[in-house]
Amino acid sequence: YKISNVGMVAGCYVRSGKIVRGCQIRVVRDGIIIADDKIAGLKRFKDDAKEVAESFECGISLERFSDVKEGDVFEAYIVEEYRED
């Protein structure tokens, strides 16, 4: 959806896992990664959400990427660092 003052918002359905605000998003179209961006906004109905669980719908806006098409797959991930002692 294109929303004035906000930009492009993708209507999404969480198929597995959960979407957390602040995680990275990989946009996959026809099996090819076309973008790697960060979540700018995560909403459930009209309310801001910290996370959206599996089997729920949400709206996701990305920081830089706005060329979202129907059928695109968003893969959410979090980069973690760890040290071996």
N, C-alpha and C. Protein backbone atom coordinates (compact mmCIF):
# COMPACT_ATOMS: atom_id res chain seq x y z
N TYR A 1 0.83 -1.19 0.00
CA TYR A 1 0.00 0.00 0.00
C TYR A 1 0.87 1.24 0.00
N LYS A 2 0.46 2.25 -0.70
CA LYS A 2 1.19 3.51 -0.68
C LYS A 2 0.42 4.46 0.25
N ILE A 3 1.09 4.92 1.29
CA ILE A 3 0.46 5.80 2.27
C ILE A 3 1.22 7.11 2.30
N SER A 4 0.48 8.21 2.18
CA SER A 4 1.14 9.51 2.20
C SER A 4 1.79 9.75 3.56
N ASN A 5 2.90 10.44 3.57
CA ASN A 5 3.72 10.74 4.76
C ASN A 5 4.44 9.52 5.34
N VAL A 6 4.13 8.34 4.85
CA VAL A 6 4.79 7.13 5.36
C VAL A 6 5.58 6.46 4.25
N GLY A 7 5.00 6.36 3.06
CA GLY A 7 5.65 5.67 1.95
C GLY A 7 4.98 4.35 1.68
N MET A 8 5.75 3.38 1.24
CA MET A 8 5.23 2.07 0.87
C MET A 8 5.17 1.17 2.10
N VAL A 9 3.99 0.57 2.33
CA VAL A 9 3.80 -0.38 3.43
C VAL A 9 3.36 -1.70 2.81
N ALA A 10 4.05 -2.77 3.15
CA ALA A 10 3.72 -4.10 2.63
C ALA A 10 2.78 -4.80 3.59
N GLY A 11 1.66 -5.27 3.08
CA GLY A 11 0.75 -6.08 3.88
C GLY A 11 1.29 -7.50 3.91
N CYS A 12 1.56 -8.01 5.09
CA CYS A 12 2.26 -9.30 5.22
C CYS A 12 1.50 -10.27 6.10
N TYR A 13 1.77 -11.55 5.89
CA TYR A 13 1.25 -12.64 6.71
C TYR A 13 2.45 -13.45 7.19
N VAL A 14 2.58 -13.63 8.50
CA VAL A 14 3.74 -14.33 9.07
C VAL A 14 3.49 -15.83 8.96
N ARG A 15 4.27 -16.51 8.11
CA ARG A 15 4.07 -17.94 7.87
C ARG A 15 4.75 -18.80 8.92
N SER A 16 5.94 -18.39 9.40
CA SER A 16 6.61 -19.16 10.44
C SER A 16 7.50 -18.23 11.25
N GLY A 17 7.68 -18.57 12.52
CA GLY A 17 8.51 -17.74 13.40
C GLY A 17 7.78 -16.49 13.83
N LYS A 18 8.54 -15.40 13.98
CA LYS A 18 7.93 -14.12 14.33
C LYS A 18 8.76 -12.99 13.76
N ILE A 19 8.11 -11.86 13.55
CA ILE A 19 8.77 -10.66 13.06
C ILE A 19 8.97 -9.74 14.25
N VAL A 20 10.20 -9.27 14.45
CA VAL A 20 10.52 -8.39 15.57
C VAL A 20 10.98 -7.05 15.02
N ARG A 21 10.49 -5.97 15.63
CA ARG A 21 10.91 -4.64 15.22
C ARG A 21 12.43 -4.51 15.38
N GLY A 22 13.08 -3.95 14.39
CA GLY A 22 14.52 -3.77 14.45
C GLY A 22 15.32 -4.88 13.78
N CYS A 23 14.64 -5.92 13.30
CA CYS A 23 15.39 -6.98 12.64
C CYS A 23 15.64 -6.62 11.17
N GLN A 24 16.54 -7.34 10.56
CA GLN A 24 16.86 -7.16 9.14
C GLN A 24 15.84 -7.92 8.31
N ILE A 25 15.57 -7.42 7.10
CA ILE A 25 14.64 -8.08 6.18
C ILE A 25 15.35 -8.34 4.86
N ARG A 26 15.24 -9.56 4.38
CA ARG A 26 15.75 -9.92 3.06
C ARG A 26 14.52 -10.09 2.16
N VAL A 27 14.46 -9.33 1.07
CA VAL A 27 13.32 -9.41 0.15
C VAL A 27 13.67 -10.37 -0.98
N VAL A 28 12.86 -11.42 -1.12
CA VAL A 28 13.10 -12.45 -2.13
C VAL A 28 11.97 -12.41 -3.15
N ARG A 29 12.34 -12.29 -4.42
CA ARG A 29 11.36 -12.29 -5.51
C ARG A 29 11.78 -13.35 -6.52
N ASP A 30 10.91 -14.29 -6.79
CA ASP A 30 11.19 -15.39 -7.73
C ASP A 30 12.48 -16.15 -7.37
N GLY A 31 12.72 -16.34 -6.08
CA GLY A 31 13.88 -17.09 -5.63
C GLY A 31 15.19 -16.31 -5.63
N ILE A 32 15.15 -15.03 -5.96
CA ILE A 32 16.35 -14.20 -6.02
C ILE A 32 16.26 -13.10 -4.96
N ILE A 33 17.33 -12.93 -4.19
CA ILE A 33 17.36 -11.86 -3.19
C ILE A 33 17.53 -10.53 -3.92
N ILE A 34 16.55 -9.65 -3.79
CA ILE A 34 16.63 -8.37 -4.51
C ILE A 34 16.92 -7.20 -3.58
N ALA A 35 16.79 -7.40 -2.27
CA ALA A 35 17.07 -6.31 -1.34
C ALA A 35 17.37 -6.87 0.03
N ASP A 36 18.14 -6.10 0.79
CA ASP A 36 18.45 -6.42 2.17
C ASP A 36 18.34 -5.11 2.93
N ASP A 37 17.35 -5.00 3.80
CA ASP A 37 17.05 -3.72 4.42
C ASP A 37 16.65 -3.94 5.88
N LYS A 38 16.37 -2.85 6.57
CA LYS A 38 15.97 -2.89 7.97
C LYS A 38 14.53 -2.42 8.09
N ILE A 39 13.80 -2.96 9.06
CA ILE A 39 12.41 -2.56 9.27
C ILE A 39 12.35 -1.13 9.79
N ALA A 40 11.55 -0.29 9.14
CA ALA A 40 11.35 1.09 9.61
C ALA A 40 10.10 1.16 10.47
N GLY A 41 9.09 0.35 10.15
CA GLY A 41 7.85 0.35 10.92
C GLY A 41 7.18 -1.00 10.87
N LEU A 42 6.59 -1.39 12.00
CA LEU A 42 5.87 -2.66 12.11
C LEU A 42 4.54 -2.38 12.78
N LYS A 43 3.45 -2.68 12.09
CA LYS A 43 2.13 -2.38 12.64
C LYS A 43 1.23 -3.60 12.58
N ARG A 44 0.39 -3.70 13.58
CA ARG A 44 -0.67 -4.71 13.63
C ARG A 44 -1.96 -3.93 13.68
N PHE A 45 -2.79 -4.01 12.65
CA PHE A 45 -3.92 -3.12 12.42
C PHE A 45 -3.38 -1.70 12.38
N LYS A 46 -3.83 -0.78 13.21
CA LYS A 46 -3.30 0.59 13.16
C LYS A 46 -2.34 0.87 14.30
N ASP A 47 -2.02 -0.14 15.09
CA ASP A 47 -1.17 0.04 16.27
C ASP A 47 0.26 -0.41 15.97
N ASP A 48 1.23 0.32 16.53
CA ASP A 48 2.63 -0.10 16.43
C ASP A 48 2.80 -1.40 17.21
N ALA A 49 3.64 -2.28 16.70
CA ALA A 49 3.87 -3.57 17.35
C ALA A 49 5.36 -3.78 17.55
N LYS A 50 5.73 -4.41 18.67
CA LYS A 50 7.14 -4.75 18.90
C LYS A 50 7.46 -6.04 18.17
N GLU A 51 6.49 -6.96 18.12
CA GLU A 51 6.67 -8.20 17.39
C GLU A 51 5.31 -8.73 16.94
N VAL A 52 5.34 -9.52 15.86
CA VAL A 52 4.12 -10.14 15.34
C VAL A 52 4.40 -11.63 15.21
N ALA A 53 3.53 -12.43 15.82
CA ALA A 53 3.75 -13.88 15.88
C ALA A 53 3.25 -14.58 14.62
N GLU A 54 3.60 -15.86 14.53
CA GLU A 54 3.20 -16.71 13.41
C GLU A 54 1.68 -16.74 13.25
N SER A 55 1.22 -16.79 12.01
CA SER A 55 -0.20 -16.87 11.64
C SER A 55 -0.97 -15.56 11.84
N PHE A 56 -0.27 -14.44 12.01
CA PHE A 56 -0.93 -13.14 12.11
C PHE A 56 -0.52 -12.27 10.93
N GLU A 57 -1.36 -11.26 10.64
CA GLU A 57 -1.07 -10.31 9.58
C GLU A 57 -0.48 -9.04 10.17
N CYS A 58 0.30 -8.33 9.35
CA CYS A 58 0.91 -7.09 9.82
C CYS A 58 1.27 -6.22 8.61
N GLY A 59 1.66 -5.00 8.90
CA GLY A 59 2.15 -4.10 7.88
C GLY A 59 3.60 -3.79 8.16
N ILE A 60 4.46 -3.90 7.14
CA ILE A 60 5.89 -3.66 7.32
C ILE A 60 6.33 -2.58 6.34
N SER A 61 7.01 -1.57 6.86
CA SER A 61 7.65 -0.59 5.98
C SER A 61 9.16 -0.70 6.18
N LEU A 62 9.89 -0.58 5.09
CA LEU A 62 11.34 -0.71 5.12
C LEU A 62 11.99 0.65 5.02
N GLU A 63 13.25 0.77 5.49
CA GLU A 63 13.93 2.06 5.51
C GLU A 63 14.25 2.59 4.12
N ARG A 64 14.84 1.76 3.25
CA ARG A 64 15.28 2.25 1.94
C ARG A 64 14.52 1.65 0.77
N PHE A 65 14.19 0.39 0.84
CA PHE A 65 13.59 -0.32 -0.30
C PHE A 65 12.08 -0.06 -0.34
N SER A 66 11.56 0.32 -1.52
CA SER A 66 10.12 0.60 -1.62
C SER A 66 9.47 -0.07 -2.83
N ASP A 67 10.22 -0.83 -3.62
CA ASP A 67 9.67 -1.46 -4.82
C ASP A 67 9.10 -2.84 -4.48
N VAL A 68 8.11 -2.88 -3.58
CA VAL A 68 7.52 -4.13 -3.14
C VAL A 68 6.43 -4.54 -4.11
N LYS A 69 6.43 -5.81 -4.52
CA LYS A 69 5.42 -6.33 -5.44
C LYS A 69 4.67 -7.48 -4.75
N GLU A 70 3.47 -7.75 -5.24
CA GLU A 70 2.70 -8.86 -4.70
C GLU A 70 3.45 -10.16 -4.96
N GLY A 71 3.53 -11.01 -3.93
CA GLY A 71 4.23 -12.28 -4.06
C GLY A 71 5.65 -12.25 -3.54
N ASP A 72 6.18 -11.06 -3.21
CA ASP A 72 7.51 -10.98 -2.62
C ASP A 72 7.51 -11.67 -1.26
N VAL A 73 8.63 -12.28 -0.91
CA VAL A 73 8.76 -12.95 0.38
C VAL A 73 9.76 -12.15 1.22
N PHE A 74 9.35 -11.81 2.44
CA PHE A 74 10.24 -11.12 3.38
C PHE A 74 10.78 -12.16 4.34
N GLU A 75 12.11 -12.27 4.40
CA GLU A 75 12.75 -13.17 5.36
C GLU A 75 13.38 -12.29 6.43
N ALA A 76 12.90 -12.44 7.66
CA ALA A 76 13.41 -11.63 8.77
C ALA A 76 14.52 -12.40 9.49
N TYR A 77 15.57 -11.67 9.86
CA TYR A 77 16.66 -12.30 10.61
C TYR A 77 17.34 -11.27 11.51
N ILE A 78 18.02 -11.77 12.51
CA ILE A 78 18.76 -10.92 13.44
C ILE A 78 20.21 -11.35 13.41
N VAL A 79 21.11 -10.38 13.25
CA VAL A 79 22.54 -10.67 13.25
C VAL A 79 23.02 -10.63 14.69
N GLU A 80 23.63 -11.73 15.12
CA GLU A 80 24.16 -11.81 16.48
C GLU A 80 25.65 -12.12 16.44
N GLU A 81 26.37 -11.55 17.35
CA GLU A 81 27.80 -11.85 17.48
C GLU A 81 28.02 -12.61 18.78
N TYR A 82 28.94 -13.56 18.72
CA TYR A 82 29.28 -14.27 19.95
C TYR A 82 30.76 -14.56 19.96
N ARG A 83 31.29 -14.69 21.16
CA ARG A 83 32.71 -15.00 21.32
C ARG A 83 32.87 -16.34 21.99
N GLU A 84 33.85 -17.09 21.52
CA GLU A 84 34.18 -18.33 22.19
C GLU A 84 35.28 -18.06 23.20
N ASP A 85 35.05 -18.48 24.42
CA ASP A 85 36.05 -18.23 25.49
C ASP A 85 36.90 -19.44 25.73
